[in-house]
Amino acid sequence: MNRISRILFGLICLESGVLLVSLPWTHFWDQNFFLDRYPALIPFLLSPYLRGAVTGLGLLDIAIAASALLRRHDADAAI
């Protein structure tokens, strides 16, 4: 993977990770289209377990972004 694509990949992963970590704990999660349209999903979507799982995916995404952004250029040249 060349340098520009690695940086873009890292930034996209970082942005999506920050979103996944913060969004489940805001009011946007509590008041959205799906809760109004499908009231049967309310217990599932407002569950702290689901929020924790989404936050965990966000943390994993941030770790992937850190790995992509902090990888040394020498490692790419050897491949």
N, C-alpha and C. Protein backbone atom coordinates (compact mmCIF):
# COMPACT_ATOMS: atom_id res chain seq x y z
N MET A 1 0.86 -1.17 0.00
CA MET A 1 0.00 0.00 0.00
C MET A 1 0.90 1.23 0.00
N ASN A 2 0.66 2.13 -0.92
CA ASN A 2 1.53 3.30 -0.96
C ASN A 2 1.17 4.28 0.16
N ARG A 3 1.97 5.28 0.29
CA ARG A 3 1.89 6.19 1.43
C ARG A 3 0.58 6.98 1.47
N ILE A 4 0.16 7.52 0.32
CA ILE A 4 -1.06 8.33 0.28
C ILE A 4 -2.28 7.49 0.62
N SER A 5 -2.38 6.30 0.04
CA SER A 5 -3.55 5.46 0.32
C SER A 5 -3.54 4.98 1.77
N ARG A 6 -2.36 4.74 2.35
CA ARG A 6 -2.29 4.34 3.76
C ARG A 6 -2.75 5.48 4.67
N ILE A 7 -2.37 6.70 4.33
CA ILE A 7 -2.80 7.85 5.14
C ILE A 7 -4.31 8.06 5.01
N LEU A 8 -4.85 7.97 3.80
CA LEU A 8 -6.29 8.12 3.61
C LEU A 8 -7.06 7.01 4.34
N PHE A 9 -6.58 5.78 4.23
CA PHE A 9 -7.21 4.67 4.94
C PHE A 9 -7.18 4.90 6.44
N GLY A 10 -6.05 5.36 6.96
CA GLY A 10 -5.93 5.63 8.39
C GLY A 10 -6.85 6.73 8.85
N LEU A 11 -6.98 7.79 8.05
CA LEU A 11 -7.87 8.89 8.43
C LEU A 11 -9.34 8.49 8.39
N ILE A 12 -9.72 7.68 7.40
CA ILE A 12 -11.10 7.22 7.32
C ILE A 12 -11.41 6.30 8.50
N CYS A 13 -10.48 5.41 8.83
CA CYS A 13 -10.68 4.53 9.99
C CYS A 13 -10.75 5.33 11.28
N LEU A 14 -9.91 6.33 11.40
CA LEU A 14 -9.92 7.16 12.61
C LEU A 14 -11.24 7.91 12.74
N GLU A 15 -11.71 8.49 11.66
CA GLU A 15 -12.97 9.23 11.70
C GLU A 15 -14.15 8.32 12.04
N SER A 16 -14.21 7.17 11.39
CA SER A 16 -15.32 6.26 11.68
C SER A 16 -15.21 5.69 13.10
N GLY A 17 -14.00 5.47 13.57
CA GLY A 17 -13.82 4.99 14.94
C GLY A 17 -14.28 5.99 15.98
N VAL A 18 -13.93 7.25 15.78
CA VAL A 18 -14.37 8.29 16.72
C VAL A 18 -15.90 8.40 16.70
N LEU A 19 -16.49 8.29 15.52
CA LEU A 19 -17.95 8.32 15.42
C LEU A 19 -18.57 7.14 16.16
N LEU A 20 -18.03 5.95 15.96
CA LEU A 20 -18.59 4.76 16.60
C LEU A 20 -18.40 4.77 18.11
N VAL A 21 -17.37 5.42 18.58
CA VAL A 21 -17.16 5.50 20.03
C VAL A 21 -18.10 6.51 20.67
N SER A 22 -18.31 7.63 20.02
CA SER A 22 -19.07 8.71 20.65
C SER A 22 -20.58 8.67 20.35
N LEU A 23 -20.97 8.22 19.19
CA LEU A 23 -22.37 8.31 18.79
C LEU A 23 -23.34 7.53 19.67
N PRO A 24 -23.03 6.31 20.12
CA PRO A 24 -24.02 5.59 20.94
C PRO A 24 -24.35 6.26 22.27
N TRP A 25 -23.55 7.21 22.70
CA TRP A 25 -23.77 7.83 24.00
C TRP A 25 -24.33 9.24 23.88
N THR A 26 -24.79 9.64 22.68
CA THR A 26 -25.38 10.96 22.48
C THR A 26 -26.89 10.85 22.34
N HIS A 27 -27.55 11.98 22.28
CA HIS A 27 -29.01 11.97 22.13
C HIS A 27 -29.43 11.56 20.72
N PHE A 28 -28.53 11.60 19.75
CA PHE A 28 -28.86 11.16 18.40
C PHE A 28 -29.19 9.66 18.38
N TRP A 29 -28.57 8.90 19.26
CA TRP A 29 -28.83 7.47 19.33
C TRP A 29 -30.22 7.21 19.94
N ASP A 30 -30.61 8.04 20.89
CA ASP A 30 -31.89 7.85 21.57
C ASP A 30 -33.08 8.31 20.73
N GLN A 31 -32.87 9.27 19.87
CA GLN A 31 -33.97 9.82 19.06
C GLN A 31 -33.58 9.74 17.60
N ASN A 32 -33.96 8.64 16.94
CA ASN A 32 -33.63 8.49 15.54
C ASN A 32 -34.81 7.93 14.77
N PHE A 33 -34.66 7.82 13.48
CA PHE A 33 -35.73 7.39 12.59
C PHE A 33 -36.20 5.98 12.91
N PHE A 34 -35.28 5.08 13.19
CA PHE A 34 -35.64 3.68 13.39
C PHE A 34 -36.46 3.46 14.65
N LEU A 35 -36.19 4.25 15.69
CA LEU A 35 -36.98 4.11 16.92
C LEU A 35 -38.41 4.58 16.71
N ASP A 36 -38.60 5.61 15.91
CA ASP A 36 -39.95 6.10 15.62
C ASP A 36 -40.68 5.18 14.66
N ARG A 37 -39.98 4.67 13.69
CA ARG A 37 -40.59 3.84 12.65
C ARG A 37 -40.86 2.41 13.12
N TYR A 38 -39.94 1.86 13.90
CA TYR A 38 -40.05 0.47 14.36
C TYR A 38 -39.94 0.42 15.89
N PRO A 39 -41.02 0.64 16.59
CA PRO A 39 -40.95 0.67 18.07
C PRO A 39 -40.55 -0.67 18.69
N ALA A 40 -40.67 -1.76 17.97
CA ALA A 40 -40.25 -3.05 18.52
C ALA A 40 -38.73 -3.13 18.71
N LEU A 41 -37.98 -2.27 18.01
CA LEU A 41 -36.52 -2.28 18.13
C LEU A 41 -36.01 -1.47 19.32
N ILE A 42 -36.89 -0.77 20.01
CA ILE A 42 -36.45 0.11 21.11
C ILE A 42 -35.66 -0.64 22.18
N PRO A 43 -36.14 -1.78 22.69
CA PRO A 43 -35.33 -2.45 23.72
C PRO A 43 -33.96 -2.89 23.22
N PHE A 44 -33.88 -3.29 21.97
CA PHE A 44 -32.60 -3.75 21.42
C PHE A 44 -31.65 -2.58 21.16
N LEU A 45 -32.13 -1.52 20.52
CA LEU A 45 -31.26 -0.40 20.15
C LEU A 45 -30.84 0.45 21.33
N LEU A 46 -31.65 0.49 22.38
CA LEU A 46 -31.29 1.29 23.55
C LEU A 46 -30.58 0.47 24.62
N SER A 47 -30.28 -0.79 24.32
CA SER A 47 -29.60 -1.65 25.28
C SER A 47 -28.15 -1.17 25.48
N PRO A 48 -27.72 -1.13 26.74
CA PRO A 48 -26.32 -0.76 26.99
C PRO A 48 -25.33 -1.75 26.40
N TYR A 49 -25.76 -3.00 26.23
CA TYR A 49 -24.88 -4.01 25.64
C TYR A 49 -24.59 -3.69 24.17
N LEU A 50 -25.61 -3.27 23.44
CA LEU A 50 -25.41 -2.90 22.04
C LEU A 50 -24.54 -1.65 21.94
N ARG A 51 -24.80 -0.69 22.82
CA ARG A 51 -23.98 0.52 22.83
C ARG A 51 -22.52 0.19 23.12
N GLY A 52 -22.29 -0.71 24.06
CA GLY A 52 -20.93 -1.12 24.38
C GLY A 52 -20.27 -1.86 23.23
N ALA A 53 -21.03 -2.68 22.51
CA ALA A 53 -20.48 -3.40 21.37
C ALA A 53 -20.10 -2.43 20.25
N VAL A 54 -20.93 -1.44 20.00
CA VAL A 54 -20.62 -0.45 18.96
C VAL A 54 -19.40 0.37 19.38
N THR A 55 -19.31 0.72 20.65
CA THR A 55 -18.14 1.44 21.15
C THR A 55 -16.88 0.59 21.02
N GLY A 56 -16.99 -0.70 21.29
CA GLY A 56 -15.85 -1.60 21.13
C GLY A 56 -15.38 -1.67 19.68
N LEU A 57 -16.33 -1.71 18.75
CA LEU A 57 -15.96 -1.68 17.33
C LEU A 57 -15.25 -0.37 16.97
N GLY A 58 -15.70 0.72 17.57
CA GLY A 58 -15.04 2.00 17.34
C GLY A 58 -13.62 2.02 17.86
N LEU A 59 -13.41 1.43 19.03
CA LEU A 59 -12.05 1.36 19.58
C LEU A 59 -11.15 0.49 18.72
N LEU A 60 -11.71 -0.61 18.21
CA LEU A 60 -10.95 -1.45 17.30
C LEU A 60 -10.60 -0.70 16.02
N ASP A 61 -11.53 0.09 15.52
CA ASP A 61 -11.28 0.89 14.33
C ASP A 61 -10.19 1.94 14.58
N ILE A 62 -10.19 2.53 15.75
CA ILE A 62 -9.15 3.51 16.10
C ILE A 62 -7.78 2.82 16.18
N ALA A 63 -7.75 1.59 16.71
CA ALA A 63 -6.49 0.85 16.78
C ALA A 63 -5.98 0.51 15.37
N ILE A 64 -6.88 0.17 14.47
CA ILE A 64 -6.48 -0.10 13.08
C ILE A 64 -5.94 1.17 12.43
N ALA A 65 -6.58 2.30 12.71
CA ALA A 65 -6.12 3.58 12.16
C ALA A 65 -4.73 3.92 12.70
N ALA A 66 -4.52 3.70 13.99
CA ALA A 66 -3.21 3.98 14.57
C ALA A 66 -2.15 3.09 13.95
N SER A 67 -2.49 1.85 13.71
CA SER A 67 -1.54 0.94 13.08
C SER A 67 -1.20 1.38 11.66
N ALA A 68 -2.21 1.83 10.93
CA ALA A 68 -1.97 2.26 9.55
C ALA A 68 -1.19 3.57 9.50
N LEU A 69 -1.48 4.48 10.43
CA LEU A 69 -0.83 5.79 10.38
C LEU A 69 0.57 5.78 10.99
N LEU A 70 0.81 4.90 11.94
CA LEU A 70 2.10 4.90 12.62
C LEU A 70 3.10 3.90 12.06
N ARG A 71 2.68 3.15 11.04
CA ARG A 71 3.59 2.19 10.43
C ARG A 71 4.73 2.94 9.74
N ARG A 72 5.92 2.42 9.91
CA ARG A 72 7.07 3.09 9.32
C ARG A 72 7.10 2.88 7.82
N HIS A 73 7.69 3.81 7.12
CA HIS A 73 7.79 3.76 5.66
C HIS A 73 8.71 2.63 5.22
N ASP A 74 9.69 2.27 6.05
CA ASP A 74 10.63 1.19 5.71
C ASP A 74 9.92 -0.15 5.55
N ALA A 75 8.86 -0.36 6.33
CA ALA A 75 8.13 -1.62 6.24
C ALA A 75 7.43 -1.74 4.91
N ASP A 76 6.96 -0.64 4.33
CA ASP A 76 6.31 -0.68 3.02
C ASP A 76 7.32 -0.93 1.91
N ALA A 77 8.53 -0.43 2.06
CA ALA A 77 9.53 -0.59 1.02
C ALA A 77 10.02 -2.03 0.94
N ALA A 78 9.96 -2.76 2.05
CA ALA A 78 10.44 -4.14 2.07
C ALA A 78 9.46 -5.11 1.41
N ILE A 79 8.22 -4.70 1.29
CA ILE A 79 7.20 -5.60 0.73
C ILE A 79 7.23 -5.62 -0.75
